[in-house]
Amino acid sequence: MSMQKKILAKRYPALIWTLIIFILLTIPGSLLPPEPGFKIPDFDKYIHIGIFCVFVVLWSFYFAAKTDKKNRSIFFVLFISACLYGITMEYVQKYFIPRRDFDVEDILADVIGSALGFIISVSVIFFGRDREKVKKKK
């Protein structure tokens, strides 16, 4: 197993990333830079897509190392969990974080990122294994 796979198979990268997401999404609005300063339209949506994609990928690699390799349902559960985490964090922002708003478009970006992470994870973990098996047979 490569060093990268060993690191990703541990719980800490996924836990640290989960904490980073929580911190980023609970920063009070007064501490965020003003949106007109961004030159890329809807820049925050790309951030949401990226952080939730990485979230799903990290947790997928962790669970792939810990569970039955044929059990693909765990990856769908991770996808749903990531979506629920994104939705929950939007409500946390709405009700508990000063100067932060509930944004349906952020939820959509979270779902897109989670779906992208799901696709990447399943592709790399399962199709990558198939290629490794073929190489070993040769």
C-alpha atoms as a PDB file:
ATOM      1  CA  MET A   1       0.000   0.000   0.000  1.00  0.00           C
ATOM      2  CA  SER A   2       1.394   3.390  -0.962  1.00  0.00           C
ATOM      3  CA  MET A   3       2.061   6.082   1.630  1.00  0.00           C
ATOM      4  CA  GLN A   4      -0.839   8.177   0.298  1.00  0.00           C
ATOM      5  CA  LYS A   5      -3.273   5.277   0.622  1.00  0.00           C
ATOM      6  CA  LYS A   6      -2.043   4.599   4.155  1.00  0.00           C
ATOM      7  CA  ILE A   7      -2.646   8.210   5.129  1.00  0.00           C
ATOM      8  CA  LEU A   8      -6.081   8.338   3.497  1.00  0.00           C
ATOM      9  CA  ALA A   9      -7.034   5.054   5.179  1.00  0.00           C
ATOM     10  CA  LYS A  10      -6.717   6.757   8.566  1.00  0.00           C
ATOM     11  CA  ARG A  11      -9.571   8.644  10.165  1.00  0.00           C
ATOM     12  CA  TYR A  12      -7.619  11.842  10.894  1.00  0.00           C
ATOM     13  CA  PRO A  13      -7.601  13.464   7.426  1.00  0.00           C
ATOM     14  CA  ALA A  14     -11.386  13.085   7.173  1.00  0.00           C
ATOM     15  CA  LEU A  15     -11.973  14.295  10.736  1.00  0.00           C
ATOM     16  CA  ILE A  16      -9.699  17.291  10.271  1.00  0.00           C
ATOM     17  CA  TRP A  17     -11.439  18.169   6.990  1.00  0.00           C
ATOM     18  CA  THR A  18     -14.852  17.870   8.679  1.00  0.00           C
ATOM     19  CA  LEU A  19     -13.657  20.280  11.371  1.00  0.00           C
ATOM     20  CA  ILE A  20     -12.287  22.682   8.749  1.00  0.00           C
ATOM     21  CA  ILE A  21     -15.681  22.708   6.997  1.00  0.00           C
ATOM     22  CA  PHE A  22     -17.416  23.394  10.301  1.00  0.00           C
ATOM     23  CA  ILE A  23     -15.061  26.277  11.084  1.00  0.00           C
ATOM     24  CA  LEU A  24     -15.377  27.800   7.602  1.00  0.00           C
ATOM     25  CA  LEU A  25     -19.160  27.597   7.639  1.00  0.00           C
ATOM     26  CA  THR A  26     -19.517  29.049  11.134  1.00  0.00           C
ATOM     27  CA  ILE A  27     -17.311  32.116  10.695  1.00  0.00           C
ATOM     28  CA  PRO A  28     -19.475  35.146  11.449  1.00  0.00           C
ATOM     29  CA  GLY A  29     -20.406  37.125   8.360  1.00  0.00           C
ATOM     30  CA  SER A  30     -18.654  40.218   9.690  1.00  0.00           C
ATOM     31  CA  LEU A  31     -15.302  38.394   9.430  1.00  0.00           C
ATOM     32  CA  LEU A  32     -15.788  37.378   5.789  1.00  0.00           C
ATOM     33  CA  PRO A  33     -14.470  39.548   2.961  1.00  0.00           C
ATOM     34  CA  PRO A  34     -17.161  41.476   1.109  1.00  0.00           C
ATOM     35  CA  GLU A  35     -18.467  39.625  -1.931  1.00  0.00           C
ATOM     36  CA  PRO A  36     -17.879  42.496  -4.392  1.00  0.00           C
ATOM     37  CA  GLY A  37     -14.153  41.957  -3.741  1.00  0.00           C
ATOM     38  CA  PHE A  38     -14.321  38.624  -5.510  1.00  0.00           C
ATOM     39  CA  LYS A  39     -13.833  38.859  -9.242  1.00  0.00           C
ATOM     40  CA  ILE A  40     -15.321  35.413  -9.935  1.00  0.00           C
ATOM     41  CA  PRO A  41     -19.141  35.397  -9.908  1.00  0.00           C
ATOM     42  CA  ASP A  42     -20.591  32.987  -7.324  1.00  0.00           C
ATOM     43  CA  PHE A  43     -17.087  32.173  -6.096  1.00  0.00           C
ATOM     44  CA  ASP A  44     -18.468  30.851  -2.805  1.00  0.00           C
ATOM     45  CA  LYS A  45     -20.454  28.187  -4.696  1.00  0.00           C
ATOM     46  CA  TYR A  46     -17.226  26.793  -6.158  1.00  0.00           C
ATOM     47  CA  ILE A  47     -15.798  26.713  -2.634  1.00  0.00           C
ATOM     48  CA  HIS A  48     -18.835  24.738  -1.429  1.00  0.00           C
ATOM     49  CA  ILE A  49     -18.486  22.283  -4.325  1.00  0.00           C
ATOM     50  CA  GLY A  50     -14.799  21.779  -3.580  1.00  0.00           C
ATOM     51  CA  ILE A  51     -15.031  21.354   0.173  1.00  0.00           C
ATOM     52  CA  PHE A  52     -17.887  18.853  -0.021  1.00  0.00           C
ATOM     53  CA  CYS A  53     -16.226  16.905  -2.820  1.00  0.00           C
ATOM     54  CA  VAL A  54     -13.085  16.523  -0.690  1.00  0.00           C
ATOM     55  CA  PHE A  55     -15.258  15.661   2.333  1.00  0.00           C
ATOM     56  CA  VAL A  56     -16.840  12.690   0.530  1.00  0.00           C
ATOM     57  CA  VAL A  57     -13.545  11.526  -0.991  1.00  0.00           C
ATOM     58  CA  LEU A  58     -11.695  11.548   2.343  1.00  0.00           C
ATOM     59  CA  TRP A  59     -14.430   9.688   4.206  1.00  0.00           C
ATOM     60  CA  SER A  60     -14.781   7.244   1.289  1.00  0.00           C
ATOM     61  CA  PHE A  61     -11.100   6.316   1.391  1.00  0.00           C
ATOM     62  CA  TYR A  62     -11.318   5.848   5.145  1.00  0.00           C
ATOM     63  CA  PHE A  63     -14.364   3.555   4.945  1.00  0.00           C
ATOM     64  CA  ALA A  64     -13.003   1.699   1.918  1.00  0.00           C
ATOM     65  CA  ALA A  65     -10.027   0.674   4.041  1.00  0.00           C
ATOM     66  CA  LYS A  66     -12.232  -0.359   6.975  1.00  0.00           C
ATOM     67  CA  THR A  67     -15.202  -2.143   5.381  1.00  0.00           C
ATOM     68  CA  ASP A  68     -15.965  -4.985   3.034  1.00  0.00           C
ATOM     69  CA  LYS A  69     -14.662  -3.957  -0.363  1.00  0.00           C
ATOM     70  CA  LYS A  70     -17.790  -5.243  -2.118  1.00  0.00           C
ATOM     71  CA  ASN A  71     -20.124  -3.126   0.015  1.00  0.00           C
ATOM     72  CA  ARG A  72     -20.692  -0.112  -2.216  1.00  0.00           C
ATOM     73  CA  SER A  73     -23.707   1.149  -0.294  1.00  0.00           C
ATOM     74  CA  ILE A  74     -21.458   2.877   2.251  1.00  0.00           C
ATOM     75  CA  PHE A  75     -20.450   5.353  -0.459  1.00  0.00           C
ATOM     76  CA  PHE A  76     -24.066   6.251  -1.132  1.00  0.00           C
ATOM     77  CA  VAL A  77     -24.612   6.672   2.619  1.00  0.00           C
ATOM     78  CA  LEU A  78     -21.594   9.024   2.679  1.00  0.00           C
ATOM     79  CA  PHE A  79     -23.078  11.006  -0.197  1.00  0.00           C
ATOM     80  CA  ILE A  80     -26.412  11.371   1.644  1.00  0.00           C
ATOM     81  CA  SER A  81     -24.599  12.220   4.905  1.00  0.00           C
ATOM     82  CA  ALA A  82     -22.596  14.943   3.181  1.00  0.00           C
ATOM     83  CA  CYS A  83     -25.775  16.405   1.691  1.00  0.00           C
ATOM     84  CA  LEU A  84     -27.447  16.406   5.107  1.00  0.00           C
ATOM     85  CA  TYR A  85     -24.344  17.994   6.664  1.00  0.00           C
ATOM     86  CA  GLY A  86     -24.495  20.785   4.072  1.00  0.00           C
ATOM     87  CA  ILE A  87     -28.214  21.362   4.663  1.00  0.00           C
ATOM     88  CA  THR A  88     -27.731  21.339   8.434  1.00  0.00           C
ATOM     89  CA  MET A  89     -24.896  23.845   8.223  1.00  0.00           C
ATOM     90  CA  GLU A  90     -27.099  26.205   6.213  1.00  0.00           C
ATOM     91  CA  TYR A  91     -29.675  26.117   9.016  1.00  0.00           C
ATOM     92  CA  VAL A  92     -26.908  26.637  11.581  1.00  0.00           C
ATOM     93  CA  GLN A  93     -25.818  29.711   9.627  1.00  0.00           C
ATOM     94  CA  LYS A  94     -29.397  30.982   9.448  1.00  0.00           C
ATOM     95  CA  TYR A  95     -30.245  30.621  13.123  1.00  0.00           C
ATOM     96  CA  PHE A  96     -26.973  30.715  15.048  1.00  0.00           C
ATOM     97  CA  ILE A  97     -24.243  32.557  13.122  1.00  0.00           C
ATOM     98  CA  PRO A  98     -24.408  36.355  13.053  1.00  0.00           C
ATOM     99  CA  ARG A  99     -24.616  37.951   9.605  1.00  0.00           C
ATOM    100  CA  ARG A 100     -24.788  34.613   7.781  1.00  0.00           C
ATOM    101  CA  ASP A 101     -27.782  33.625   5.684  1.00  0.00           C
ATOM    102  CA  PHE A 102     -29.566  30.487   4.563  1.00  0.00           C
ATOM    103  CA  ASP A 103     -28.868  30.006   0.860  1.00  0.00           C
ATOM    104  CA  VAL A 104     -30.553  27.309  -1.236  1.00  0.00           C
ATOM    105  CA  GLU A 105     -27.852  27.759  -3.880  1.00  0.00           C
ATOM    106  CA  ASP A 106     -25.219  26.845  -1.262  1.00  0.00           C
ATOM    107  CA  ILE A 107     -27.154  23.656  -0.561  1.00  0.00           C
ATOM    108  CA  LEU A 108     -27.244  22.897  -4.275  1.00  0.00           C
ATOM    109  CA  ALA A 109     -23.465  23.478  -4.466  1.00  0.00           C
ATOM    110  CA  ASP A 110     -22.971  21.161  -1.462  1.00  0.00           C
ATOM    111  CA  VAL A 111     -25.022  18.443  -3.184  1.00  0.00           C
ATOM    112  CA  ILE A 112     -23.098  18.886  -6.450  1.00  0.00           C
ATOM    113  CA  GLY A 113     -19.783  18.660  -4.582  1.00  0.00           C
ATOM    114  CA  SER A 114     -20.956  15.605  -2.668  1.00  0.00           C
ATOM    115  CA  ALA A 115     -22.085  13.934  -5.904  1.00  0.00           C
ATOM    116  CA  LEU A 116     -18.764  14.732  -7.545  1.00  0.00           C
ATOM    117  CA  GLY A 117     -16.944  13.271  -4.537  1.00  0.00           C
ATOM    118  CA  PHE A 118     -19.140  10.161  -4.748  1.00  0.00           C
ATOM    119  CA  ILE A 119     -18.362   9.690  -8.448  1.00  0.00           C
ATOM    120  CA  ILE A 120     -14.630  10.229  -7.912  1.00  0.00           C
ATOM    121  CA  SER A 121     -14.538   7.883  -4.923  1.00  0.00           C
ATOM    122  CA  VAL A 122     -16.401   5.043  -6.570  1.00  0.00           C
ATOM    123  CA  SER A 123     -14.362   5.441  -9.753  1.00  0.00           C
ATOM    124  CA  VAL A 124     -10.988   5.498  -8.038  1.00  0.00           C
ATOM    125  CA  ILE A 125     -11.681   2.925  -5.339  1.00  0.00           C
ATOM    126  CA  PHE A 126     -13.519   0.323  -7.390  1.00  0.00           C
ATOM    127  CA  PHE A 127     -12.308   0.812 -10.935  1.00  0.00           C
ATOM    128  CA  GLY A 128      -8.791   1.408  -9.662  1.00  0.00           C
ATOM    129  CA  ARG A 129      -8.939  -1.947  -7.877  1.00  0.00           C
ATOM    130  CA  ASP A 130     -10.085  -3.641 -11.055  1.00  0.00           C
ATOM    131  CA  ARG A 131      -7.044  -2.260 -12.892  1.00  0.00           C
ATOM    132  CA  GLU A 132      -4.757  -3.448 -10.083  1.00  0.00           C
ATOM    133  CA  LYS A 133      -6.232  -6.961 -10.367  1.00  0.00           C
ATOM    134  CA  VAL A 134      -5.620  -6.981 -14.112  1.00  0.00           C
ATOM    135  CA  LYS A 135      -2.011  -5.878 -13.611  1.00  0.00           C
ATOM    136  CA  LYS A 136      -1.429  -8.617 -11.025  1.00  0.00           C
ATOM    137  CA  LYS A 137      -2.774 -11.295 -13.395  1.00  0.00           C
ATOM    138  CA  LYS A 138      -0.243 -10.309 -16.076  1.00  0.00           C
END
